[in-house]
Amino acid sequence: MLHLEQPAYLWLLLGVPVFILLFWLVSRQIAQQRQQFGAMIGLARLAPEVSTTKRPFKFGLLLLGYVFLVLALANPQMGSKTQSIQRQGVDVFIALDISSSMWAEDIKPNRMERARQLAQKIVQSLKGDRIGLILFAGQAYLQMPLTVDYAAAEMFVRTASPDLEITQGTAIEKAIDLVVELGEQDDKPNQRAIVVITDGENHNPAAVTAARDAKEKGITTYLVGAGTTAGAPIPVEEYGRRQYKLDKQGNVVQSKMNLTMLQAIADAGGGQLMDISQPDKAISQLRQQFSKLEKSEFENQNFDIYDTYYQYFVVIALFLLLVEFLVGYQRNKWLR
């Protein structure tokens, strides 16, 4: 069955009647100019070698060449066979901490911005794997389900912010439990990875238990620490003025990364703890770990394979243009 890959180019064929009209107008003008210089018989005597039929013939060649070039742009195709492609990859969830402590500036420009930058690099490093995004603070929310639409994933990462209306806290266990829940809803559960990017201000041992339970269900938990053990105050804006978060006693809250807790979660989840201040190293470690996970089949796509024929139309168009170039305006000797 005939198929055009780019049928929109056929609109260029509307130029054919326009060219014909222009040629008719020009030919009419030339005829009128000839009458001004004398009768046709007189012109024939003055220029006996000039053919009156070569001009429309050459125009016809140019017009046919144009038509075949337009058809070549439309790329006529014929379907020959159908090919099925089964995609394989690893399912990866990025769990991004958006608690207010992520605004702390112990790493420049702040923890949140560095976390977003690393998350985008993780997305960019994926090759055929599916990516999902979870935002968490006091609760965990599925921001984007598993997909291979990396452009959409980067867009969601860029818009992640503690300014979103979400219960505050650092409930890492809620993010891990959400990945487990999503896996249980899948008809074909498979190995998955969750990369938690957080400052680790979590003193709840439930996160360690959640990571251990997730590991038993085929989900490996990796941690990326965003922050320093020295910590920094949490900037807040009140009435247009920059201030720092205070505790109930009126003291400035010093947010510190809980390195011990993060390491315990990574150990329980069978993963590793990485440092956000070394993004290239973290990406390399993650890619190495992902390669060890069992790949799952997730998109069986059928493609129609077409044979293209545009080249034949190009050859015909070039031949017509070459003939037009070689044909002069003089009469052929055998027609004299």
C-alpha atoms as a PDB file:
ATOM      1  CA  MET A   1       0.000   0.000   0.000  1.00  0.00           C
ATOM      2  CA  LEU A   2       1.301   3.419  -0.980  1.00  0.00           C
ATOM      3  CA  HIS A   3       2.236   5.642   1.942  1.00  0.00           C
ATOM      4  CA  LEU A   4       3.619   9.184   2.059  1.00  0.00           C
ATOM      5  CA  GLU A   5       5.993   9.888   4.922  1.00  0.00           C
ATOM      6  CA  GLN A   6       5.643  13.688   4.600  1.00  0.00           C
ATOM      7  CA  PRO A   7       2.280  14.352   2.917  1.00  0.00           C
ATOM      8  CA  ALA A   8       2.339  17.999   4.014  1.00  0.00           C
ATOM      9  CA  TYR A   9       4.773  18.740   1.184  1.00  0.00           C
ATOM     10  CA  LEU A  10       2.007  18.017  -1.337  1.00  0.00           C
ATOM     11  CA  TRP A  11       0.713  21.506  -0.576  1.00  0.00           C
ATOM     12  CA  LEU A  12       3.586  22.727  -2.736  1.00  0.00           C
ATOM     13  CA  LEU A  13       1.753  21.297  -5.759  1.00  0.00           C
ATOM     14  CA  LEU A  14      -0.617  24.235  -5.453  1.00  0.00           C
ATOM     15  CA  GLY A  15       2.191  26.197  -7.064  1.00  0.00           C
ATOM     16  CA  VAL A  16       1.666  24.313 -10.361  1.00  0.00           C
ATOM     17  CA  PRO A  17      -1.438  26.248 -11.496  1.00  0.00           C
ATOM     18  CA  VAL A  18       0.219  29.458 -10.320  1.00  0.00           C
ATOM     19  CA  PHE A  19       3.277  28.767 -12.479  1.00  0.00           C
ATOM     20  CA  ILE A  20       1.059  27.904 -15.457  1.00  0.00           C
ATOM     21  CA  LEU A  21      -0.820  31.176 -15.040  1.00  0.00           C
ATOM     22  CA  LEU A  22       2.426  33.158 -14.808  1.00  0.00           C
ATOM     23  CA  PHE A  23       3.774  31.439 -17.919  1.00  0.00           C
ATOM     24  CA  TRP A  24       0.591  32.249 -19.828  1.00  0.00           C
ATOM     25  CA  LEU A  25       0.758  35.900 -18.771  1.00  0.00           C
ATOM     26  CA  VAL A  26       4.440  36.180 -19.746  1.00  0.00           C
ATOM     27  CA  SER A  27       3.804  34.464 -23.098  1.00  0.00           C
ATOM     28  CA  ARG A  28       0.910  36.829 -23.760  1.00  0.00           C
ATOM     29  CA  GLN A  29       3.096  39.832 -22.975  1.00  0.00           C
ATOM     30  CA  ILE A  30       5.823  38.553 -25.310  1.00  0.00           C
ATOM     31  CA  ALA A  31       3.257  38.093 -28.096  1.00  0.00           C
ATOM     32  CA  GLN A  32       2.039  41.662 -27.628  1.00  0.00           C
ATOM     33  CA  GLN A  33       5.611  42.982 -27.765  1.00  0.00           C
ATOM     34  CA  ARG A  34       6.180  41.106 -31.012  1.00  0.00           C
ATOM     35  CA  GLN A  35       3.141  42.762 -32.569  1.00  0.00           C
ATOM     36  CA  GLN A  36       4.610  46.146 -31.663  1.00  0.00           C
ATOM     37  CA  PHE A  37       7.781  45.418 -33.685  1.00  0.00           C
ATOM     38  CA  GLY A  38       6.048  44.065 -36.763  1.00  0.00           C
ATOM     39  CA  ALA A  39       4.026  41.231 -38.217  1.00  0.00           C
ATOM     40  CA  MET A  40       4.890  37.654 -37.347  1.00  0.00           C
ATOM     41  CA  ILE A  41       6.055  36.962 -40.852  1.00  0.00           C
ATOM     42  CA  GLY A  42       8.543  39.769 -40.516  1.00  0.00           C
ATOM     43  CA  LEU A  43       9.911  38.415 -37.268  1.00  0.00           C
ATOM     44  CA  ALA A  44      10.171  34.966 -38.768  1.00  0.00           C
ATOM     45  CA  ARG A  45      12.369  36.359 -41.490  1.00  0.00           C
ATOM     46  CA  LEU A  46      14.526  38.259 -39.015  1.00  0.00           C
ATOM     47  CA  ALA A  47      14.947  35.209 -36.722  1.00  0.00           C
ATOM     48  CA  PRO A  48      14.311  32.106 -38.777  1.00  0.00           C
ATOM     49  CA  GLU A  49      16.170  29.840 -36.326  1.00  0.00           C
ATOM     50  CA  VAL A  50      13.966  30.668 -33.317  1.00  0.00           C
ATOM     51  CA  SER A  51      11.369  28.008 -32.471  1.00  0.00           C
ATOM     52  CA  THR A  52       7.946  29.061 -31.254  1.00  0.00           C
ATOM     53  CA  THR A  53       7.309  25.694 -29.580  1.00  0.00           C
ATOM     54  CA  LYS A  54      10.525  25.298 -27.599  1.00  0.00           C
ATOM     55  CA  ARG A  55       9.536  27.826 -24.933  1.00  0.00           C
ATOM     56  CA  PRO A  56       6.379  25.949 -23.757  1.00  0.00           C
ATOM     57  CA  PHE A  57       8.263  22.660 -24.104  1.00  0.00           C
ATOM     58  CA  LYS A  58      11.065  23.856 -21.818  1.00  0.00           C
ATOM     59  CA  PHE A  59       8.505  25.244 -19.390  1.00  0.00           C
ATOM     60  CA  GLY A  60       6.757  21.864 -19.316  1.00  0.00           C
ATOM     61  CA  LEU A  61      10.034  20.145 -18.464  1.00  0.00           C
ATOM     62  CA  LEU A  62      10.671  22.572 -15.603  1.00  0.00           C
ATOM     63  CA  LEU A  63       7.133  22.113 -14.312  1.00  0.00           C
ATOM     64  CA  LEU A  64       7.381  18.321 -14.410  1.00  0.00           C
ATOM     65  CA  GLY A  65      10.755  18.505 -12.649  1.00  0.00           C
ATOM     66  CA  TYR A  66       9.185  20.612  -9.926  1.00  0.00           C
ATOM     67  CA  VAL A  67       6.331  18.116  -9.488  1.00  0.00           C
ATOM     68  CA  PHE A  68       8.721  15.180  -9.134  1.00  0.00           C
ATOM     69  CA  LEU A  69      10.844  17.078  -6.605  1.00  0.00           C
ATOM     70  CA  VAL A  70       7.733  17.752  -4.509  1.00  0.00           C
ATOM     71  CA  LEU A  71       6.831  14.067  -4.677  1.00  0.00           C
ATOM     72  CA  ALA A  72      10.376  13.216  -3.596  1.00  0.00           C
ATOM     73  CA  LEU A  73       9.995  15.497  -0.568  1.00  0.00           C
ATOM     74  CA  ALA A  74       6.754  13.708   0.325  1.00  0.00           C
ATOM     75  CA  ASN A  75       8.802  10.456   0.205  1.00  0.00           C
ATOM     76  CA  PRO A  76       6.487   7.780  -1.253  1.00  0.00           C
ATOM     77  CA  GLN A  77       6.801   4.500   0.644  1.00  0.00           C
ATOM     78  CA  MET A  78       5.493   0.976   0.391  1.00  0.00           C
ATOM     79  CA  GLY A  79       4.972  -1.183   3.474  1.00  0.00           C
ATOM     80  CA  SER A  80       6.918  -4.400   3.374  1.00  0.00           C
ATOM     81  CA  LYS A  81       6.892  -5.942   6.855  1.00  0.00           C
ATOM     82  CA  THR A  82       6.123  -5.356  10.524  1.00  0.00           C
ATOM     83  CA  GLN A  83       8.873  -5.514  13.113  1.00  0.00           C
ATOM     84  CA  SER A  84       8.284  -6.025  16.827  1.00  0.00           C
ATOM     85  CA  ILE A  85      10.675  -4.451  19.332  1.00  0.00           C
ATOM     86  CA  GLN A  86      10.782  -5.463  22.975  1.00  0.00           C
ATOM     87  CA  ARG A  87      12.361  -2.830  25.221  1.00  0.00           C
ATOM     88  CA  GLN A  88      14.297  -3.767  28.315  1.00  0.00           C
ATOM     89  CA  GLY A  89      15.563  -1.671  31.166  1.00  0.00           C
ATOM     90  CA  VAL A  90      15.710  -1.049  34.887  1.00  0.00           C
ATOM     91  CA  ASP A  91      12.939   0.669  36.843  1.00  0.00           C
ATOM     92  CA  VAL A  92      14.403   3.583  38.822  1.00  0.00           C
ATOM     93  CA  PHE A  93      12.584   5.905  41.227  1.00  0.00           C
ATOM     94  CA  ILE A  94      14.099   9.182  42.356  1.00  0.00           C
ATOM     95  CA  ALA A  95      12.790  10.188  45.788  1.00  0.00           C
ATOM     96  CA  LEU A  96      13.463  13.888  46.240  1.00  0.00           C
ATOM     97  CA  ASP A  97      13.358  15.458  49.678  1.00  0.00           C
ATOM     98  CA  ILE A  98      11.439  18.767  49.567  1.00  0.00           C
ATOM     99  CA  SER A  99      11.323  19.493  53.276  1.00  0.00           C
ATOM    100  CA  SER A 100      12.057  23.077  54.320  1.00  0.00           C
ATOM    101  CA  SER A 101      15.496  22.077  55.625  1.00  0.00           C
ATOM    102  CA  MET A 102      16.550  21.590  51.999  1.00  0.00           C
ATOM    103  CA  TRP A 103      16.826  25.381  51.723  1.00  0.00           C
ATOM    104  CA  ALA A 104      19.867  25.269  54.047  1.00  0.00           C
ATOM    105  CA  GLU A 105      22.981  26.709  52.417  1.00  0.00           C
ATOM    106  CA  ASP A 106      25.770  24.579  53.880  1.00  0.00           C
ATOM    107  CA  ILE A 107      26.347  23.479  50.265  1.00  0.00           C
ATOM    108  CA  LYS A 108      26.097  26.175  47.613  1.00  0.00           C
ATOM    109  CA  PRO A 109      23.795  27.535  46.434  1.00  0.00           C
ATOM    110  CA  ASN A 110      21.578  25.379  48.688  1.00  0.00           C
ATOM    111  CA  ARG A 111      20.692  21.754  49.282  1.00  0.00           C
ATOM    112  CA  MET A 112      17.551  21.889  47.139  1.00  0.00           C
ATOM    113  CA  GLU A 113      19.241  23.255  44.053  1.00  0.00           C
ATOM    114  CA  ARG A 114      22.067  20.751  44.289  1.00  0.00           C
ATOM    115  CA  ALA A 115      19.542  17.942  44.725  1.00  0.00           C
ATOM    116  CA  ARG A 116      17.656  19.059  41.616  1.00  0.00           C
ATOM    117  CA  GLN A 117      20.877  19.248  39.619  1.00  0.00           C
ATOM    118  CA  LEU A 118      21.874  15.731  40.619  1.00  0.00           C
ATOM    119  CA  ALA A 119      18.386  14.366  39.897  1.00  0.00           C
ATOM    120  CA  GLN A 120      18.534  15.841  36.394  1.00  0.00           C
ATOM    121  CA  LYS A 121      21.944  14.263  35.808  1.00  0.00           C
ATOM    122  CA  ILE A 122      20.565  10.898  36.900  1.00  0.00           C
ATOM    123  CA  VAL A 123      17.745  11.235  34.374  1.00  0.00           C
ATOM    124  CA  GLN A 124      20.182  12.217  31.641  1.00  0.00           C
ATOM    125  CA  SER A 125      22.387   9.216  32.386  1.00  0.00           C
ATOM    126  CA  LEU A 126      19.609   6.687  31.845  1.00  0.00           C
ATOM    127  CA  LYS A 127      19.654   4.728  28.607  1.00  0.00           C
ATOM    128  CA  GLY A 128      16.351   3.003  27.963  1.00  0.00           C
ATOM    129  CA  ASP A 129      15.513   2.615  31.661  1.00  0.00           C
ATOM    130  CA  ARG A 130      12.222   3.786  33.111  1.00  0.00           C
ATOM    131  CA  ILE A 131      12.231   6.648  35.578  1.00  0.00           C
ATOM    132  CA  GLY A 132       9.697   7.688  38.207  1.00  0.00           C
ATOM    133  CA  LEU A 133       9.682  10.657  40.579  1.00  0.00           C
ATOM    134  CA  ILE A 134       8.548  10.793  44.211  1.00  0.00           C
ATOM    135  CA  LEU A 135       8.475  13.954  46.310  1.00  0.00           C
ATOM    136  CA  PHE A 136       8.473  13.590  50.056  1.00  0.00           C
ATOM    137  CA  ALA A 137       8.698  15.522  53.278  1.00  0.00           C
ATOM    138  CA  GLY A 138       6.299  14.512  56.045  1.00  0.00           C
ATOM    139  CA  GLN A 139       4.417  12.468  53.431  1.00  0.00           C
ATOM    140  CA  ALA A 140       5.381  10.932  50.101  1.00  0.00           C
ATOM    141  CA  TYR A 141       3.657  11.670  46.797  1.00  0.00           C
ATOM    142  CA  LEU A 142       4.032  10.090  43.381  1.00  0.00           C
ATOM    143  CA  GLN A 143       4.868  13.069  41.195  1.00  0.00           C
ATOM    144  CA  MET A 144       5.471  11.052  38.021  1.00  0.00           C
ATOM    145  CA  PRO A 145       4.907   7.317  37.386  1.00  0.00           C
ATOM    146  CA  LEU A 146       7.469   5.164  35.607  1.00  0.00           C
ATOM    147  CA  THR A 147       8.125   6.426  32.095  1.00  0.00           C
ATOM    148  CA  VAL A 148      10.806   6.750  29.431  1.00  0.00           C
ATOM    149  CA  ASP A 149       9.814  10.364  28.798  1.00  0.00           C
ATOM    150  CA  TYR A 150      13.039  11.853  30.143  1.00  0.00           C
ATOM    151  CA  ALA A 151      12.128  15.386  29.066  1.00  0.00           C
ATOM    152  CA  ALA A 152       9.017  15.275  31.255  1.00  0.00           C
ATOM    153  CA  ALA A 153      11.051  13.827  34.125  1.00  0.00           C
ATOM    154  CA  GLU A 154      13.526  16.709  33.977  1.00  0.00           C
ATOM    155  CA  MET A 155      10.680  19.212  33.911  1.00  0.00           C
ATOM    156  CA  PHE A 156       9.114  17.728  37.060  1.00  0.00           C
ATOM    157  CA  VAL A 157      12.511  17.708  38.792  1.00  0.00           C
ATOM    158  CA  ARG A 158      13.079  21.388  38.010  1.00  0.00           C
ATOM    159  CA  THR A 159       9.724  22.347  39.526  1.00  0.00           C
ATOM    160  CA  ALA A 160      10.254  20.395  42.771  1.00  0.00           C
ATOM    161  CA  SER A 161      10.516  22.773  45.706  1.00  0.00           C
ATOM    162  CA  PRO A 162       9.895  23.006  49.460  1.00  0.00           C
ATOM    163  CA  ASP A 163       7.491  25.821  48.578  1.00  0.00           C
ATOM    164  CA  LEU A 164       4.956  23.191  47.500  1.00  0.00           C
ATOM    165  CA  GLU A 165       2.166  22.728  49.996  1.00  0.00           C
ATOM    166  CA  ILE A 166       3.168  19.467  51.628  1.00  0.00           C
ATOM    167  CA  THR A 167       3.353  18.191  55.194  1.00  0.00           C
ATOM    168  CA  GLN A 168       6.777  19.043  56.564  1.00  0.00           C
ATOM    169  CA  GLY A 169       9.194  16.449  57.904  1.00  0.00           C
ATOM    170  CA  THR A 170      11.681  13.977  56.437  1.00  0.00           C
ATOM    171  CA  ALA A 171       9.751  10.723  56.245  1.00  0.00           C
ATOM    172  CA  ILE A 172      12.140   8.653  54.145  1.00  0.00           C
ATOM    173  CA  GLU A 173      10.229   5.497  55.068  1.00  0.00           C
ATOM    174  CA  LYS A 174       7.092   6.898  53.389  1.00  0.00           C
ATOM    175  CA  ALA A 175       8.940   7.252  50.069  1.00  0.00           C
ATOM    176  CA  ILE A 176      10.309   3.702  50.292  1.00  0.00           C
ATOM    177  CA  ASP A 177       6.912   2.282  51.249  1.00  0.00           C
ATOM    178  CA  LEU A 178       5.342   4.034  48.266  1.00  0.00           C
ATOM    179  CA  VAL A 179       7.728   2.291  45.865  1.00  0.00           C
ATOM    180  CA  VAL A 180       6.884  -1.045  47.519  1.00  0.00           C
ATOM    181  CA  GLU A 181       3.174  -0.310  47.155  1.00  0.00           C
ATOM    182  CA  LEU A 182       3.543   0.566  43.490  1.00  0.00           C
ATOM    183  CA  GLY A 183       5.457  -2.657  42.905  1.00  0.00           C
ATOM    184  CA  GLU A 184       2.680  -4.700  44.494  1.00  0.00           C
ATOM    185  CA  GLN A 185       0.178  -3.111  42.114  1.00  0.00           C
ATOM    186  CA  ASP A 186       2.237  -4.194  39.109  1.00  0.00           C
ATOM    187  CA  ASP A 187       1.090  -7.362  37.341  1.00  0.00           C
ATOM    188  CA  LYS A 188       4.707  -8.387  36.830  1.00  0.00           C
ATOM    189  CA  PRO A 189       6.740  -7.209  39.822  1.00  0.00           C
ATOM    190  CA  ASN A 190      10.449  -6.922  39.110  1.00  0.00           C
ATOM    191  CA  GLN A 191      13.616  -5.540  40.592  1.00  0.00           C
ATOM    192  CA  ARG A 192      13.599  -1.810  41.169  1.00  0.00           C
ATOM    193  CA  ALA A 193      15.898   0.845  42.508  1.00  0.00           C
ATOM    194  CA  ILE A 194      15.048   3.915  44.551  1.00  0.00           C
ATOM    195  CA  VAL A 195      17.509   6.790  44.823  1.00  0.00           C
ATOM    196  CA  VAL A 196      16.697   8.930  47.855  1.00  0.00           C
ATOM    197  CA  ILE A 197      18.222  12.409  47.725  1.00  0.00           C
ATOM    198  CA  THR A 198      17.865  13.936  51.174  1.00  0.00           C
ATOM    199  CA  ASP A 199      19.615  15.825  53.962  1.00  0.00           C
ATOM    200  CA  GLY A 200      18.758  12.911  56.228  1.00  0.00           C
ATOM    201  CA  GLU A 201      17.172  14.869  59.064  1.00  0.00           C
ATOM    202  CA  ASN A 202      15.371  11.726  60.063  1.00  0.00           C
ATOM    203  CA  HIS A 203      15.737  10.189  63.500  1.00  0.00           C
ATOM    204  CA  ASN A 204      12.982   7.630  62.923  1.00  0.00           C
ATOM    205  CA  PRO A 205      14.332   4.056  62.752  1.00  0.00           C
ATOM    206  CA  ALA A 206      11.266   3.124  60.683  1.00  0.00           C
ATOM    207  CA  ALA A 207      13.215   4.151  57.579  1.00  0.00           C
ATOM    208  CA  VAL A 208      15.793   1.421  58.239  1.00  0.00           C
ATOM    209  CA  THR A 209      13.039  -1.156  58.647  1.00  0.00           C
ATOM    210  CA  ALA A 210      11.310   0.058  55.472  1.00  0.00           C
ATOM    211  CA  ALA A 211      14.526  -0.244  53.469  1.00  0.00           C
ATOM    212  CA  ARG A 212      15.138  -3.757  54.787  1.00  0.00           C
ATOM    213  CA  ASP A 213      11.596  -4.874  53.932  1.00  0.00           C
ATOM    214  CA  ALA A 214      11.871  -3.306  50.474  1.00  0.00           C
ATOM    215  CA  LYS A 215      15.110  -5.192  49.827  1.00  0.00           C
ATOM    216  CA  GLU A 216      13.318  -8.479  50.532  1.00  0.00           C
ATOM    217  CA  LYS A 217      10.820  -7.529  47.825  1.00  0.00           C
ATOM    218  CA  GLY A 218      13.461  -6.787  45.198  1.00  0.00           C
ATOM    219  CA  ILE A 219      13.818  -3.040  45.751  1.00  0.00           C
ATOM    220  CA  THR A 220      17.317  -1.676  46.361  1.00  0.00           C
ATOM    221  CA  THR A 221      17.616   1.627  48.206  1.00  0.00           C
ATOM    222  CA  TYR A 222      20.410   4.090  47.440  1.00  0.00           C
ATOM    223  CA  LEU A 223      20.997   7.262  49.451  1.00  0.00           C
ATOM    224  CA  VAL A 224      22.536  10.565  48.385  1.00  0.00           C
ATOM    225  CA  GLY A 225      23.363  12.856  51.285  1.00  0.00           C
ATOM    226  CA  ALA A 226      22.562  16.511  50.596  1.00  0.00           C
ATOM    227  CA  GLY A 227      24.218  18.646  53.223  1.00  0.00           C
ATOM    228  CA  THR A 228      27.024  18.578  55.778  1.00  0.00           C
ATOM    229  CA  THR A 229      27.377  17.288  59.313  1.00  0.00           C
ATOM    230  CA  ALA A 230      28.277  20.833  60.405  1.00  0.00           C
ATOM    231  CA  GLY A 231      24.903  21.996  59.172  1.00  0.00           C
ATOM    232  CA  ALA A 232      23.474  25.442  58.536  1.00  0.00           C
ATOM    233  CA  PRO A 233      20.423  27.496  59.538  1.00  0.00           C
ATOM    234  CA  ILE A 234      17.244  27.239  57.478  1.00  0.00           C
ATOM    235  CA  PRO A 235      16.396  30.512  55.707  1.00  0.00           C
ATOM    236  CA  VAL A 236      12.758  31.569  55.671  1.00  0.00           C
ATOM    237  CA  GLU A 237      11.046  34.644  54.321  1.00  0.00           C
ATOM    238  CA  GLU A 238       8.561  36.492  56.480  1.00  0.00           C
ATOM    239  CA  TYR A 239       6.889  39.715  55.404  1.00  0.00           C
ATOM    240  CA  GLY A 240       9.401  40.099  52.603  1.00  0.00           C
ATOM    241  CA  ARG A 241      12.380  39.817  54.933  1.00  0.00           C
ATOM    242  CA  ARG A 242      14.928  37.015  54.981  1.00  0.00           C
ATOM    243  CA  GLN A 243      15.189  35.384  58.392  1.00  0.00           C
ATOM    244  CA  TYR A 244      16.106  31.994  59.837  1.00  0.00           C
ATOM    245  CA  LYS A 245      13.842  29.318  61.224  1.00  0.00           C
ATOM    246  CA  LEU A 246      13.556  29.376  65.026  1.00  0.00           C
ATOM    247  CA  ASP A 247      12.649  26.656  67.492  1.00  0.00           C
ATOM    248  CA  LYS A 248      10.053  27.017  70.243  1.00  0.00           C
ATOM    249  CA  GLN A 249      12.609  28.650  72.529  1.00  0.00           C
ATOM    250  CA  GLY A 250      13.447  31.276  69.884  1.00  0.00           C
ATOM    251  CA  ASN A 251      16.826  29.816  68.977  1.00  0.00           C
ATOM    252  CA  VAL A 252      18.007  29.514  65.387  1.00  0.00           C
ATOM    253  CA  VAL A 253      17.506  25.958  64.136  1.00  0.00           C
ATOM    254  CA  GLN A 254      20.720  24.387  62.905  1.00  0.00           C
ATOM    255  CA  SER A 255      19.944  21.744  60.259  1.00  0.00           C
ATOM    256  CA  LYS A 256      22.550  18.964  60.096  1.00  0.00           C
ATOM    257  CA  MET A 257      22.781  15.974  57.799  1.00  0.00           C
ATOM    258  CA  ASN A 258      22.225  12.746  59.738  1.00  0.00           C
ATOM    259  CA  LEU A 259      25.050  10.752  58.167  1.00  0.00           C
ATOM    260  CA  THR A 260      24.702   7.809  60.563  1.00  0.00           C
ATOM    261  CA  MET A 261      21.031   7.337  59.759  1.00  0.00           C
ATOM    262  CA  LEU A 262      21.606   7.594  55.989  1.00  0.00           C
ATOM    263  CA  GLN A 263      24.332   4.954  56.117  1.00  0.00           C
ATOM    264  CA  ALA A 264      22.102   2.649  58.144  1.00  0.00           C
ATOM    265  CA  ILE A 265      19.275   2.992  55.601  1.00  0.00           C
ATOM    266  CA  ALA A 266      21.615   2.308  52.676  1.00  0.00           C
ATOM    267  CA  ASP A 267      23.045  -0.774  54.390  1.00  0.00           C
ATOM    268  CA  ALA A 268      19.595  -2.118  55.219  1.00  0.00           C
ATOM    269  CA  GLY A 269      18.393  -1.487  51.648  1.00  0.00           C
ATOM    270  CA  GLY A 270      21.334  -3.224  50.008  1.00  0.00           C
ATOM    271  CA  GLY A 271      22.507  -0.015  48.362  1.00  0.00           C
ATOM    272  CA  GLN A 272      25.162   2.616  48.893  1.00  0.00           C
ATOM    273  CA  LEU A 273      25.472   6.060  50.403  1.00  0.00           C
ATOM    274  CA  MET A 274      26.813   8.733  48.051  1.00  0.00           C
ATOM    275  CA  ASP A 275      27.860  12.343  48.494  1.00  0.00           C
ATOM    276  CA  ILE A 276      26.047  15.038  46.535  1.00  0.00           C
ATOM    277  CA  SER A 277      29.222  17.148  46.479  1.00  0.00           C
ATOM    278  CA  GLN A 278      30.709  14.556  44.088  1.00  0.00           C
ATOM    279  CA  PRO A 279      27.946  14.271  41.456  1.00  0.00           C
ATOM    280  CA  ASP A 280      30.027  12.633  38.724  1.00  0.00           C
ATOM    281  CA  LYS A 281      31.219   9.939  41.109  1.00  0.00           C
ATOM    282  CA  ALA A 282      27.669   9.405  42.356  1.00  0.00           C
ATOM    283  CA  ILE A 283      26.335   9.023  38.788  1.00  0.00           C
ATOM    284  CA  SER A 284      29.093   6.559  37.940  1.00  0.00           C
ATOM    285  CA  GLN A 285      28.364   4.484  41.044  1.00  0.00           C
ATOM    286  CA  LEU A 286      24.633   4.473  40.333  1.00  0.00           C
ATOM    287  CA  ARG A 287      25.088   3.399  36.711  1.00  0.00           C
ATOM    288  CA  GLN A 288      27.371   0.596  37.864  1.00  0.00           C
ATOM    289  CA  GLN A 289      24.818  -0.546  40.437  1.00  0.00           C
ATOM    290  CA  PHE A 290      21.908  -0.316  37.980  1.00  0.00           C
ATOM    291  CA  SER A 291      23.754  -2.548  35.528  1.00  0.00           C
ATOM    292  CA  LYS A 292      23.713  -5.322  38.133  1.00  0.00           C
ATOM    293  CA  LEU A 293      19.938  -5.229  38.516  1.00  0.00           C
ATOM    294  CA  GLU A 294      17.693  -7.537  36.566  1.00  0.00           C
ATOM    295  CA  LYS A 295      16.264  -5.819  33.514  1.00  0.00           C
ATOM    296  CA  SER A 296      12.551  -5.991  32.871  1.00  0.00           C
ATOM    297  CA  GLU A 297      10.646  -6.013  29.577  1.00  0.00           C
ATOM    298  CA  PHE A 298       8.181  -3.185  29.462  1.00  0.00           C
ATOM    299  CA  GLU A 299       7.307  -1.954  25.997  1.00  0.00           C
ATOM    300  CA  ASN A 300       6.457  -4.309  23.176  1.00  0.00           C
ATOM    301  CA  GLN A 301       6.121  -2.006  20.182  1.00  0.00           C
ATOM    302  CA  ASN A 302       5.271  -2.933  16.619  1.00  0.00           C
ATOM    303  CA  PHE A 303       6.746  -0.890  13.800  1.00  0.00           C
ATOM    304  CA  ASP A 304       5.792  -0.955  10.117  1.00  0.00           C
ATOM    305  CA  ILE A 305       8.939  -1.038   8.015  1.00  0.00           C
ATOM    306  CA  TYR A 306       8.577   0.839   4.719  1.00  0.00           C
ATOM    307  CA  ASP A 307      10.675   0.829   1.565  1.00  0.00           C
ATOM    308  CA  THR A 308      11.273   4.406   0.424  1.00  0.00           C
ATOM    309  CA  TYR A 309      11.201   5.470  -3.230  1.00  0.00           C
ATOM    310  CA  TYR A 310      12.009   9.175  -3.074  1.00  0.00           C
ATOM    311  CA  GLN A 311      15.336   8.600  -4.842  1.00  0.00           C
ATOM    312  CA  TYR A 312      13.584   7.545  -8.061  1.00  0.00           C
ATOM    313  CA  PHE A 313      11.599  10.775  -8.129  1.00  0.00           C
ATOM    314  CA  VAL A 314      14.792  12.760  -7.539  1.00  0.00           C
ATOM    315  CA  VAL A 315      16.498  11.021 -10.469  1.00  0.00           C
ATOM    316  CA  ILE A 316      13.552  11.700 -12.776  1.00  0.00           C
ATOM    317  CA  ALA A 317      13.418  15.353 -11.670  1.00  0.00           C
ATOM    318  CA  LEU A 318      17.158  15.818 -12.293  1.00  0.00           C
ATOM    319  CA  PHE A 319      16.837  14.155 -15.712  1.00  0.00           C
ATOM    320  CA  LEU A 320      14.004  16.513 -16.708  1.00  0.00           C
ATOM    321  CA  LEU A 321      15.972  19.541 -15.528  1.00  0.00           C
ATOM    322  CA  LEU A 322      19.045  18.359 -17.443  1.00  0.00           C
ATOM    323  CA  VAL A 323      16.991  17.927 -20.630  1.00  0.00           C
ATOM    324  CA  GLU A 324      15.514  21.393 -20.155  1.00  0.00           C
ATOM    325  CA  PHE A 325      19.024  22.809 -19.805  1.00  0.00           C
ATOM    326  CA  LEU A 326      20.237  21.088 -23.003  1.00  0.00           C
ATOM    327  CA  VAL A 327      17.227  22.059 -25.104  1.00  0.00           C
ATOM    328  CA  GLY A 328      17.783  25.434 -26.767  1.00  0.00           C
ATOM    329  CA  TYR A 329      15.361  27.870 -28.317  1.00  0.00           C
ATOM    330  CA  GLN A 330      16.453  27.157 -31.897  1.00  0.00           C
ATOM    331  CA  ARG A 331      14.552  24.966 -34.281  1.00  0.00           C
ATOM    332  CA  ASN A 332      15.805  21.452 -34.928  1.00  0.00           C
ATOM    333  CA  LYS A 333      17.436  21.053 -38.325  1.00  0.00           C
ATOM    334  CA  TRP A 334      15.093  18.271 -39.342  1.00  0.00           C
ATOM    335  CA  LEU A 335      12.068  20.512 -38.582  1.00  0.00           C
ATOM    336  CA  ARG A 336      13.277  23.458 -40.650  1.00  0.00           C
END
